[in-house]
């Protein structure tokens, strides 16, 4: 049986994917910074680290959209996408 935290994570991922795929107008890969980061780590830092991504739907959509359309200046892996979603839903440390 799936525990409550896993259910919340799965539902959160589905909601995020819905917004990222069906509401693409909220995504603009260059709107968050004048200089496009050259790595995933630099991209995370541009939002203030993992804590800066918590609850930031636009940031999550940028990285998911970048993974699909390769519209950023660095290669995004599926692990980066999962990390970003984790940062979005992560509890405060």
C-alpha atoms as a PDB file:
ATOM      1  CA  UNK A   1       0.000   0.000   0.000  1.00  0.00           C
ATOM      2  CA  UNK A   2       1.271   3.460  -0.858  1.00  0.00           C
ATOM      3  CA  UNK A   3       1.830   5.699   2.152  1.00  0.00           C
ATOM      4  CA  UNK A   4       0.500   9.257   2.378  1.00  0.00           C
ATOM      5  CA  UNK A   5       3.785  10.987   1.485  1.00  0.00           C
ATOM      6  CA  UNK A   6       4.076   8.989  -1.723  1.00  0.00           C
ATOM      7  CA  UNK A   7       0.462   9.783  -2.612  1.00  0.00           C
ATOM      8  CA  UNK A   8       1.103  13.485  -2.087  1.00  0.00           C
ATOM      9  CA  UNK A   9       4.263  13.326  -4.220  1.00  0.00           C
ATOM     10  CA  UNK A  10       2.477  11.487  -7.039  1.00  0.00           C
ATOM     11  CA  UNK A  11      -0.452  13.921  -7.031  1.00  0.00           C
ATOM     12  CA  UNK A  12       1.958  16.875  -6.929  1.00  0.00           C
ATOM     13  CA  UNK A  13       3.881  15.537  -9.917  1.00  0.00           C
ATOM     14  CA  UNK A  14       0.665  15.036 -11.890  1.00  0.00           C
ATOM     15  CA  UNK A  15      -0.509  18.567 -11.099  1.00  0.00           C
ATOM     16  CA  UNK A  16       2.866  20.022 -12.066  1.00  0.00           C
ATOM     17  CA  UNK A  17       2.906  18.105 -15.334  1.00  0.00           C
ATOM     18  CA  UNK A  18      -0.620  19.316 -16.106  1.00  0.00           C
ATOM     19  CA  UNK A  19       0.371  22.947 -15.623  1.00  0.00           C
ATOM     20  CA  UNK A  20       3.626  22.555 -17.527  1.00  0.00           C
ATOM     21  CA  UNK A  21       2.102  20.829 -20.545  1.00  0.00           C
ATOM     22  CA  UNK A  22      -1.325  22.410 -20.793  1.00  0.00           C
ATOM     23  CA  UNK A  23      -0.488  25.918 -19.671  1.00  0.00           C
ATOM     24  CA  UNK A  24       2.756  26.577 -21.589  1.00  0.00           C
ATOM     25  CA  UNK A  25       2.291  30.332 -21.521  1.00  0.00           C
ATOM     26  CA  UNK A  26       3.553  30.423 -17.930  1.00  0.00           C
ATOM     27  CA  UNK A  27       6.881  29.080 -19.113  1.00  0.00           C
ATOM     28  CA  UNK A  28       9.535  31.385 -20.486  1.00  0.00           C
ATOM     29  CA  UNK A  29      12.991  29.914 -20.081  1.00  0.00           C
ATOM     30  CA  UNK A  30      14.771  33.247 -20.155  1.00  0.00           C
ATOM     31  CA  UNK A  31      12.412  35.236 -17.944  1.00  0.00           C
ATOM     32  CA  UNK A  32      14.049  34.238 -14.686  1.00  0.00           C
ATOM     33  CA  UNK A  33      17.488  35.622 -15.421  1.00  0.00           C
ATOM     34  CA  UNK A  34      19.296  37.920 -17.807  1.00  0.00           C
ATOM     35  CA  UNK A  35      22.044  35.330 -18.185  1.00  0.00           C
ATOM     36  CA  UNK A  36      20.994  31.768 -18.957  1.00  0.00           C
ATOM     37  CA  UNK A  37      22.793  29.337 -16.626  1.00  0.00           C
ATOM     38  CA  UNK A  38      25.259  26.894 -18.186  1.00  0.00           C
ATOM     39  CA  UNK A  39      24.571  24.002 -15.803  1.00  0.00           C
ATOM     40  CA  UNK A  40      21.749  22.602 -13.720  1.00  0.00           C
ATOM     41  CA  UNK A  41      23.559  23.541 -10.505  1.00  0.00           C
ATOM     42  CA  UNK A  42      23.929  27.131 -11.726  1.00  0.00           C
ATOM     43  CA  UNK A  43      20.243  27.161 -12.629  1.00  0.00           C
ATOM     44  CA  UNK A  44      19.273  25.999  -9.103  1.00  0.00           C
ATOM     45  CA  UNK A  45      21.575  28.660  -7.616  1.00  0.00           C
ATOM     46  CA  UNK A  46      19.880  31.327  -9.764  1.00  0.00           C
ATOM     47  CA  UNK A  47      16.693  30.639  -7.773  1.00  0.00           C
ATOM     48  CA  UNK A  48      18.453  30.793  -4.407  1.00  0.00           C
ATOM     49  CA  UNK A  49      19.253  27.101  -4.128  1.00  0.00           C
ATOM     50  CA  UNK A  50      16.906  24.239  -3.353  1.00  0.00           C
ATOM     51  CA  UNK A  51      15.010  26.289  -0.765  1.00  0.00           C
ATOM     52  CA  UNK A  52      14.344  28.941  -3.403  1.00  0.00           C
ATOM     53  CA  UNK A  53      12.590  26.350  -5.570  1.00  0.00           C
ATOM     54  CA  UNK A  54      10.153  25.295  -2.829  1.00  0.00           C
ATOM     55  CA  UNK A  55       6.660  26.086  -4.063  1.00  0.00           C
ATOM     56  CA  UNK A  56       7.962  27.822  -7.204  1.00  0.00           C
ATOM     57  CA  UNK A  57       5.754  26.389  -9.960  1.00  0.00           C
ATOM     58  CA  UNK A  58       7.282  28.582 -12.666  1.00  0.00           C
ATOM     59  CA  UNK A  59      10.749  27.220 -11.896  1.00  0.00           C
ATOM     60  CA  UNK A  60       9.560  23.627 -12.041  1.00  0.00           C
ATOM     61  CA  UNK A  61       7.840  24.272 -15.371  1.00  0.00           C
ATOM     62  CA  UNK A  62      10.978  25.898 -16.787  1.00  0.00           C
ATOM     63  CA  UNK A  63      13.119  22.846 -16.078  1.00  0.00           C
ATOM     64  CA  UNK A  64      10.457  20.370 -17.284  1.00  0.00           C
ATOM     65  CA  UNK A  65       9.852  22.393 -20.435  1.00  0.00           C
ATOM     66  CA  UNK A  66      13.620  22.684 -20.937  1.00  0.00           C
ATOM     67  CA  UNK A  67      13.937  18.912 -20.677  1.00  0.00           C
ATOM     68  CA  UNK A  68      11.307  18.389 -23.362  1.00  0.00           C
ATOM     69  CA  UNK A  69      12.212  21.173 -25.798  1.00  0.00           C
ATOM     70  CA  UNK A  70      15.902  21.619 -24.904  1.00  0.00           C
ATOM     71  CA  UNK A  71      15.399  25.387 -24.747  1.00  0.00           C
ATOM     72  CA  UNK A  72      18.071  26.061 -22.111  1.00  0.00           C
ATOM     73  CA  UNK A  73      21.814  26.364 -22.665  1.00  0.00           C
ATOM     74  CA  UNK A  74      22.582  23.147 -20.790  1.00  0.00           C
ATOM     75  CA  UNK A  75      21.489  19.533 -21.018  1.00  0.00           C
ATOM     76  CA  UNK A  76      18.773  18.619 -18.554  1.00  0.00           C
ATOM     77  CA  UNK A  77      18.565  15.012 -17.394  1.00  0.00           C
ATOM     78  CA  UNK A  78      15.507  13.213 -16.110  1.00  0.00           C
ATOM     79  CA  UNK A  79      17.211  13.188 -12.688  1.00  0.00           C
ATOM     80  CA  UNK A  80      17.337  17.010 -12.825  1.00  0.00           C
ATOM     81  CA  UNK A  81      13.591  17.043 -13.453  1.00  0.00           C
ATOM     82  CA  UNK A  82      12.947  14.729 -10.508  1.00  0.00           C
ATOM     83  CA  UNK A  83      15.294  16.759  -8.275  1.00  0.00           C
ATOM     84  CA  UNK A  84      13.448  19.954  -9.194  1.00  0.00           C
ATOM     85  CA  UNK A  85      10.070  18.411  -8.405  1.00  0.00           C
ATOM     86  CA  UNK A  86      11.485  17.153  -5.103  1.00  0.00           C
ATOM     87  CA  UNK A  87      12.749  20.657  -4.246  1.00  0.00           C
ATOM     88  CA  UNK A  88       9.299  22.050  -5.110  1.00  0.00           C
ATOM     89  CA  UNK A  89       7.456  19.753  -2.701  1.00  0.00           C
ATOM     90  CA  UNK A  90      10.221  19.290  -0.098  1.00  0.00           C
ATOM     91  CA  UNK A  91       9.546  20.148   3.492  1.00  0.00           C
ATOM     92  CA  UNK A  92      11.550  22.961   5.048  1.00  0.00           C
ATOM     93  CA  UNK A  93      14.873  21.803   6.390  1.00  0.00           C
END
